[in-house]
Amino acid sequence: MSERKSTLIGIIGTGNMGGAIAGAMASDPSWEVHVHDANPGKVQDLLLRHPNLKATESLPELVNMCKIIILAVKPQSLPSLFSDLRMNAAPGTRWISIAAGVSLDVLTEGLGTNEVIRIMPNLTAGIHESVTAVCMTAGVSKEFAETVVRIANTFGTAFVIPEKDMPAFIGISGSAVGYHLQYIHALAMAGTHQGIPYARSLPIVCDTLHSTVALLKASGKNPMELLASVCSAGGTTIEGMKALAENGFDSAIYQAVSAVAEKSSSMELLAGIAAKKGQD
C-alpha cells in the first residue's frame, strides 16, 4: 500500500502567528510546509526550532510551487502583494488568509479567485490549542473547505462561522486571550496582596481556571447554573460576586468585546479602501 502524499502548503510570513501555525503543522506528516518571510533571519530561527519545515527564499517560487498558500502577513501589507501573488500563482492555487480585517470580498477580488478562506487563529496555535474561526465564500469548493478545517484542527479547534460574525469572534476569542491573561495576573496579584507569594499564587490561579473550564464542559450546564451551586447563601463566594458586580466586572467585559469588534470592523473598512487604491 503506497504512502499518502503530503500536501504542499506555503506560508508567507513567519511572525508570531505565522510561525506558530508553521511550527504546529510541521509535526503533522499530512503537510509539507514551505515558509517564506521578507526577513530571512526569522525563517532561520523558525527552522532551528522546527527542522521539518522547508525554507523558500523566493516568494514567486513558493507561490508557484504550493497548492495552498497561507497568507500570514500584516493586514496593511497584504493589498500591496496581490499583484505579485496573482502573477506567480499556478492555476488552481487556493488561499488561506489570517489577516485581521481583510474581508473575503477584498481577498477574492485581489487574488482573482473564489478559492479563498479566512481563518482567525490565536497565539495558542503554537501549542496546538488555538480556537480558530473559519469563514468562506459560497463559491469555495467543498474539498477545499474540508481541507482548511483539517488544517485548523492541526493546531487546535476550528469553528466555521459566517463572515459577519468575525468581529464578534475576535472579541470573544482571538483578543480574549489578552483578557484572560490580564484576569489571571490580577487574580494572582490579589492573592499576593493577601499574603501568598506570586510564584505560588499564579499556578493556583491557573489550575483553578483550568479545573473550572473542565467542570463547565463536563457538566453540560451553563455558567449561571453552576454559579447557583457555588454561591452558598451568606457564604464567601457570594461576597466576591457582589464585589465584582459593584465594580463593573460584566460591564468591563462587554466594553472590551465591543471595542475589539468595532476596531475589527474599522480595519476591514480601511483594508477595503487600501485595496481599491492599490488597483487604481
Protein backbone atom coordinates (compact mmCIF):
# COMPACT_ATOMS: atom_id res chain seq x y z
CA MET A 1 0.00 0.00 0.00
CA SER A 2 1.52 3.32 -1.05
CA GLU A 3 2.01 6.11 1.48
CA ARG A 4 -0.30 9.09 1.27
CA LYS A 5 1.48 12.01 -0.37
CA SER A 6 1.88 15.14 1.74
CA THR A 7 0.07 18.29 0.60
CA LEU A 8 2.38 21.21 -0.18
CA ILE A 9 1.48 24.20 1.97
CA GLY A 10 3.21 27.57 1.62
CA ILE A 11 3.21 30.08 4.46
CA ILE A 12 4.06 33.70 3.68
CA GLY A 13 5.05 35.49 6.88
CA THR A 14 6.70 33.87 9.90
CA GLY A 15 5.87 36.36 12.64
CA ASN A 16 4.15 35.35 15.87
CA MET A 17 1.07 33.85 14.25
CA GLY A 18 2.58 32.55 11.02
CA GLY A 19 5.45 30.99 12.95
CA ALA A 20 3.09 29.37 15.46
CA ILE A 21 0.98 27.85 12.68
CA ALA A 22 4.04 26.64 10.77
CA GLY A 23 5.51 25.07 13.90
CA ALA A 24 2.29 23.25 14.74
CA MET A 25 1.85 21.96 11.18
CA ALA A 26 5.48 20.82 11.00
CA SER A 27 4.73 17.87 13.27
CA ASP A 28 1.93 16.53 11.03
CA PRO A 29 3.13 14.37 8.11
CA SER A 30 -0.04 15.25 6.17
CA TRP A 31 1.58 18.55 5.25
CA GLU A 32 4.87 19.53 3.62
CA VAL A 33 5.25 23.10 4.81
CA HIS A 34 7.37 25.68 2.99
CA VAL A 35 7.87 29.09 4.61
CA HIS A 36 8.91 32.50 3.32
CA ASP A 37 9.49 35.81 5.05
CA ALA A 38 10.94 39.11 3.92
CA ASN A 39 13.25 38.77 6.93
CA PRO A 40 15.41 35.64 6.33
CA GLY A 41 16.56 35.69 9.95
CA LYS A 42 13.03 34.90 11.13
CA VAL A 43 12.89 31.90 8.83
CA GLN A 44 16.23 30.57 10.06
CA ASP A 45 15.16 30.92 13.69
CA LEU A 46 11.95 29.04 12.91
CA LEU A 47 13.81 26.24 11.12
CA LEU A 48 16.13 25.77 14.09
CA ARG A 49 13.08 25.05 16.25
CA HIS A 50 11.22 23.05 13.60
CA PRO A 51 13.66 21.33 11.21
CA ASN A 52 10.80 19.61 9.34
CA LEU A 53 9.91 22.95 7.77
CA LYS A 54 11.43 23.98 4.44
CA ALA A 55 12.60 27.50 3.61
CA THR A 56 11.85 29.04 0.22
CA GLU A 57 13.79 32.25 -0.34
CA SER A 58 11.87 33.34 -3.43
CA LEU A 59 8.25 34.45 -2.98
CA PRO A 60 7.37 33.74 -6.65
CA GLU A 61 8.85 30.23 -6.32
CA LEU A 62 6.82 29.44 -3.20
CA VAL A 63 3.58 30.76 -4.70
CA ASN A 64 4.10 28.82 -7.92
CA MET A 65 5.09 25.59 -6.17
CA CYS A 66 2.50 25.21 -3.40
CA LYS A 67 -1.12 24.24 -3.99
CA ILE A 68 -2.33 26.03 -0.84
CA ILE A 69 -0.90 29.32 0.41
CA ILE A 70 -1.42 30.70 3.91
CA LEU A 71 -1.12 34.50 3.96
CA ALA A 72 0.27 35.42 7.38
CA VAL A 73 1.49 38.93 6.64
CA LYS A 74 0.34 42.13 8.35
CA PRO A 75 -3.12 43.22 7.16
CA GLN A 76 -1.85 46.60 5.97
CA SER A 77 0.81 44.89 3.82
CA LEU A 78 -1.44 42.35 2.11
CA PRO A 79 -3.11 44.52 -0.59
CA SER A 80 0.30 45.55 -1.96
CA LEU A 81 1.15 41.86 -2.53
CA PHE A 82 -1.96 40.94 -4.52
CA SER A 83 -0.48 41.72 -7.94
CA ASP A 84 2.67 39.61 -7.38
CA LEU A 85 0.65 36.77 -5.86
CA ARG A 86 -1.76 36.62 -8.81
CA MET A 87 1.06 36.87 -11.34
CA ASN A 88 3.08 33.98 -9.89
CA ALA A 89 0.38 31.61 -8.67
CA ALA A 90 -0.09 28.36 -10.54
CA PRO A 91 -3.57 27.62 -11.92
CA GLY A 92 -5.82 26.24 -9.18
CA THR A 93 -3.87 27.77 -6.29
CA ARG A 94 -6.03 28.15 -3.18
CA TRP A 95 -5.58 30.73 -0.46
CA ILE A 96 -5.99 30.98 3.30
CA SER A 97 -5.72 34.41 4.93
CA ILE A 98 -5.17 35.11 8.62
CA ALA A 99 -5.05 38.88 8.07
CA ALA A 100 -7.42 40.51 10.56
CA GLY A 101 -9.83 42.95 8.97
CA VAL A 102 -9.23 41.93 5.35
CA SER A 103 -12.62 40.77 4.07
CA LEU A 104 -13.40 37.92 1.72
CA ASP A 105 -14.58 40.46 -0.88
CA VAL A 106 -11.18 42.17 -0.80
CA LEU A 107 -9.35 38.83 -0.89
CA THR A 108 -11.33 37.29 -3.74
CA GLU A 109 -11.04 40.43 -5.84
CA GLY A 110 -7.36 40.91 -5.06
CA LEU A 111 -6.41 37.28 -5.68
CA GLY A 112 -8.76 36.76 -8.63
CA THR A 113 -10.45 33.59 -7.34
CA ASN A 114 -13.25 32.38 -5.09
CA GLU A 115 -10.99 29.71 -3.63
CA VAL A 116 -10.18 31.88 -0.61
CA ILE A 117 -10.91 31.19 3.06
CA ARG A 118 -10.32 33.44 6.06
CA ILE A 119 -9.23 31.93 9.35
CA MET A 120 -8.69 33.66 12.67
CA PRO A 121 -6.44 31.63 14.98
CA ASN A 122 -4.84 32.83 18.19
CA LEU A 123 -1.35 32.55 19.61
CA THR A 124 -2.11 29.22 21.30
CA ALA A 125 -1.73 27.65 17.83
CA GLY A 126 1.90 27.12 18.83
CA ILE A 127 0.80 24.55 21.44
CA HIS A 128 -1.99 23.04 19.28
CA GLU A 129 -4.71 24.75 21.34
CA SER A 130 -5.94 27.56 19.08
CA VAL A 131 -9.66 28.28 18.86
CA THR A 132 -9.86 29.22 15.18
CA ALA A 133 -12.67 30.84 13.22
CA VAL A 134 -13.10 29.69 9.62
CA CYS A 135 -15.25 31.63 7.15
CA MET A 136 -15.61 31.26 3.41
CA THR A 137 -17.49 32.43 0.33
CA ALA A 138 -20.32 30.41 -1.17
CA GLY A 139 -18.08 29.70 -4.16
CA VAL A 140 -15.46 27.72 -2.23
CA SER A 141 -15.23 24.04 -3.14
CA LYS A 142 -16.32 21.53 -0.51
CA GLU A 143 -12.96 19.76 -0.74
CA PHE A 144 -11.01 22.96 -0.02
CA ALA A 145 -13.33 23.88 2.86
CA GLU A 146 -12.79 20.47 4.44
CA THR A 147 -9.02 20.78 3.95
CA VAL A 148 -8.92 24.16 5.70
CA VAL A 149 -10.92 22.85 8.66
CA ARG A 150 -8.46 19.94 8.84
CA ILE A 151 -5.53 22.39 8.76
CA ALA A 152 -7.09 24.49 11.53
CA ASN A 153 -7.68 21.36 13.61
CA THR A 154 -3.97 20.60 13.29
CA PHE A 155 -3.24 23.47 15.67
CA GLY A 156 -6.44 23.48 17.74
CA THR A 157 -10.19 23.50 17.16
CA ALA A 158 -11.99 25.03 14.18
CA PHE A 159 -15.34 26.84 14.33
CA VAL A 160 -16.97 27.56 10.96
CA ILE A 161 -18.83 30.89 11.19
CA PRO A 162 -20.37 33.42 8.78
CA GLU A 163 -18.04 36.31 8.00
CA LYS A 164 -20.43 38.83 9.57
CA ASP A 165 -19.65 37.23 12.96
CA MET A 166 -15.88 37.62 12.60
CA PRO A 167 -15.59 40.91 14.58
CA ALA A 168 -17.55 39.37 17.47
CA PHE A 169 -15.46 36.19 17.29
CA ILE A 170 -12.27 38.22 17.56
CA GLY A 171 -13.79 39.97 20.57
CA ILE A 172 -14.67 36.78 22.45
CA SER A 173 -11.81 34.55 21.29
CA GLY A 174 -8.88 35.99 19.35
CA SER A 175 -8.35 39.04 21.54
CA ALA A 176 -9.82 37.33 24.61
CA VAL A 177 -6.50 35.57 25.20
CA GLY A 178 -5.31 39.00 26.33
CA TYR A 179 -8.26 39.48 28.68
CA HIS A 180 -7.73 36.06 30.22
CA LEU A 181 -4.04 36.79 30.81
CA GLN A 182 -4.93 40.10 32.45
CA TYR A 183 -7.54 38.40 34.65
CA ILE A 184 -5.12 35.63 35.65
CA HIS A 185 -2.43 38.17 36.53
CA ALA A 186 -4.84 40.35 38.51
CA LEU A 187 -6.17 37.36 40.47
CA ALA A 188 -2.65 36.14 41.22
CA MET A 189 -1.64 39.63 42.34
CA ALA A 190 -4.71 39.77 44.58
CA GLY A 191 -3.53 36.52 46.13
CA THR A 192 -0.11 38.08 46.67
CA HIS A 193 -1.80 41.08 48.30
CA GLN A 194 -3.41 38.61 50.71
CA GLY A 195 -0.04 37.05 51.54
CA ILE A 196 0.55 34.25 49.03
CA PRO A 197 3.78 34.83 47.03
CA TYR A 198 3.14 35.48 43.32
CA ALA A 199 5.20 32.44 42.26
CA ARG A 200 2.82 30.29 44.31
CA SER A 201 -0.36 32.26 43.65
CA LEU A 202 -0.04 32.13 39.85
CA PRO A 203 -0.13 28.31 39.43
CA ILE A 204 -3.02 28.12 41.92
CA VAL A 205 -4.99 30.58 39.77
CA CYS A 206 -4.09 28.79 36.52
CA ASP A 207 -5.07 25.35 37.84
CA THR A 208 -8.31 26.72 39.29
CA LEU A 209 -9.23 28.27 35.95
CA HIS A 210 -8.37 25.03 34.13
CA SER A 211 -10.47 22.94 36.53
CA THR A 212 -13.40 25.38 36.29
CA VAL A 213 -13.47 25.10 32.49
CA ALA A 214 -13.22 21.30 32.76
CA LEU A 215 -16.18 21.27 35.17
CA LEU A 216 -18.25 23.52 32.91
CA LYS A 217 -17.63 21.31 29.87
CA ALA A 218 -18.24 18.06 31.76
CA SER A 219 -21.42 19.25 33.46
CA GLY A 220 -23.37 20.19 30.34
CA LYS A 221 -24.73 23.14 32.32
CA ASN A 222 -24.40 26.85 31.62
CA PRO A 223 -22.26 29.06 33.89
CA MET A 224 -25.25 30.55 35.73
CA GLU A 225 -26.44 27.09 36.78
CA LEU A 226 -23.03 26.28 38.23
CA LEU A 227 -22.83 29.70 39.92
CA ALA A 228 -26.01 28.85 41.80
CA SER A 229 -24.23 25.77 43.15
CA VAL A 230 -21.01 27.53 44.19
CA CYS A 231 -22.63 30.62 45.76
CA SER A 232 -23.86 29.36 49.13
CA ALA A 233 -26.27 31.67 50.95
CA GLY A 234 -24.31 34.00 53.21
CA GLY A 235 -21.02 32.42 52.10
CA THR A 236 -17.69 33.72 50.85
CA THR A 237 -18.23 33.32 47.09
CA ILE A 238 -21.39 35.43 47.03
CA GLU A 239 -19.45 38.24 48.71
CA GLY A 240 -16.86 38.09 45.94
CA MET A 241 -19.59 38.07 43.28
CA LYS A 242 -21.21 41.10 44.92
CA ALA A 243 -17.88 42.98 44.81
CA LEU A 244 -17.41 42.11 41.11
CA ALA A 245 -20.90 43.40 40.29
CA GLU A 246 -20.41 46.61 42.26
CA ASN A 247 -17.15 47.31 40.44
CA GLY A 248 -18.48 46.78 36.92
CA PHE A 249 -16.92 43.40 36.09
CA ASP A 250 -19.55 42.39 33.49
CA SER A 251 -19.69 45.90 32.05
CA ALA A 252 -15.92 45.97 31.52
CA ILE A 253 -16.09 42.68 29.60
CA TYR A 254 -18.94 43.92 27.40
CA GLN A 255 -16.99 47.10 26.67
CA ALA A 256 -13.80 45.19 25.83
CA VAL A 257 -15.59 42.92 23.36
CA SER A 258 -17.40 45.89 21.78
CA ALA A 259 -14.14 47.83 21.44
CA VAL A 260 -12.42 44.90 19.73
CA ALA A 261 -15.37 44.26 17.39
CA GLU A 262 -15.53 47.94 16.42
CA LYS A 263 -11.78 48.03 15.78
CA SER A 264 -12.00 44.90 13.64
CA SER A 265 -14.84 46.38 11.58
CA SER A 266 -12.93 49.64 11.06
CA MET A 267 -9.82 47.69 9.99
CA GLU A 268 -11.96 45.84 7.44
CA LEU A 269 -13.22 49.14 6.06
CA LEU A 270 -9.69 50.58 5.81
CA ALA A 271 -8.38 47.40 4.16
CA GLY A 272 -11.10 47.68 1.52
CA ILE A 273 -10.14 51.30 0.83
CA ALA A 274 -6.43 50.39 0.62
CA ALA A 275 -7.16 47.56 -1.80
CA LYS A 276 -9.17 49.84 -4.08
CA LYS A 277 -6.35 52.42 -4.07
CA GLY A 278 -3.87 49.70 -4.98
CA GLN A 279 -5.94 48.78 -8.03
CA ASP A 280 -6.33 52.39 -9.26
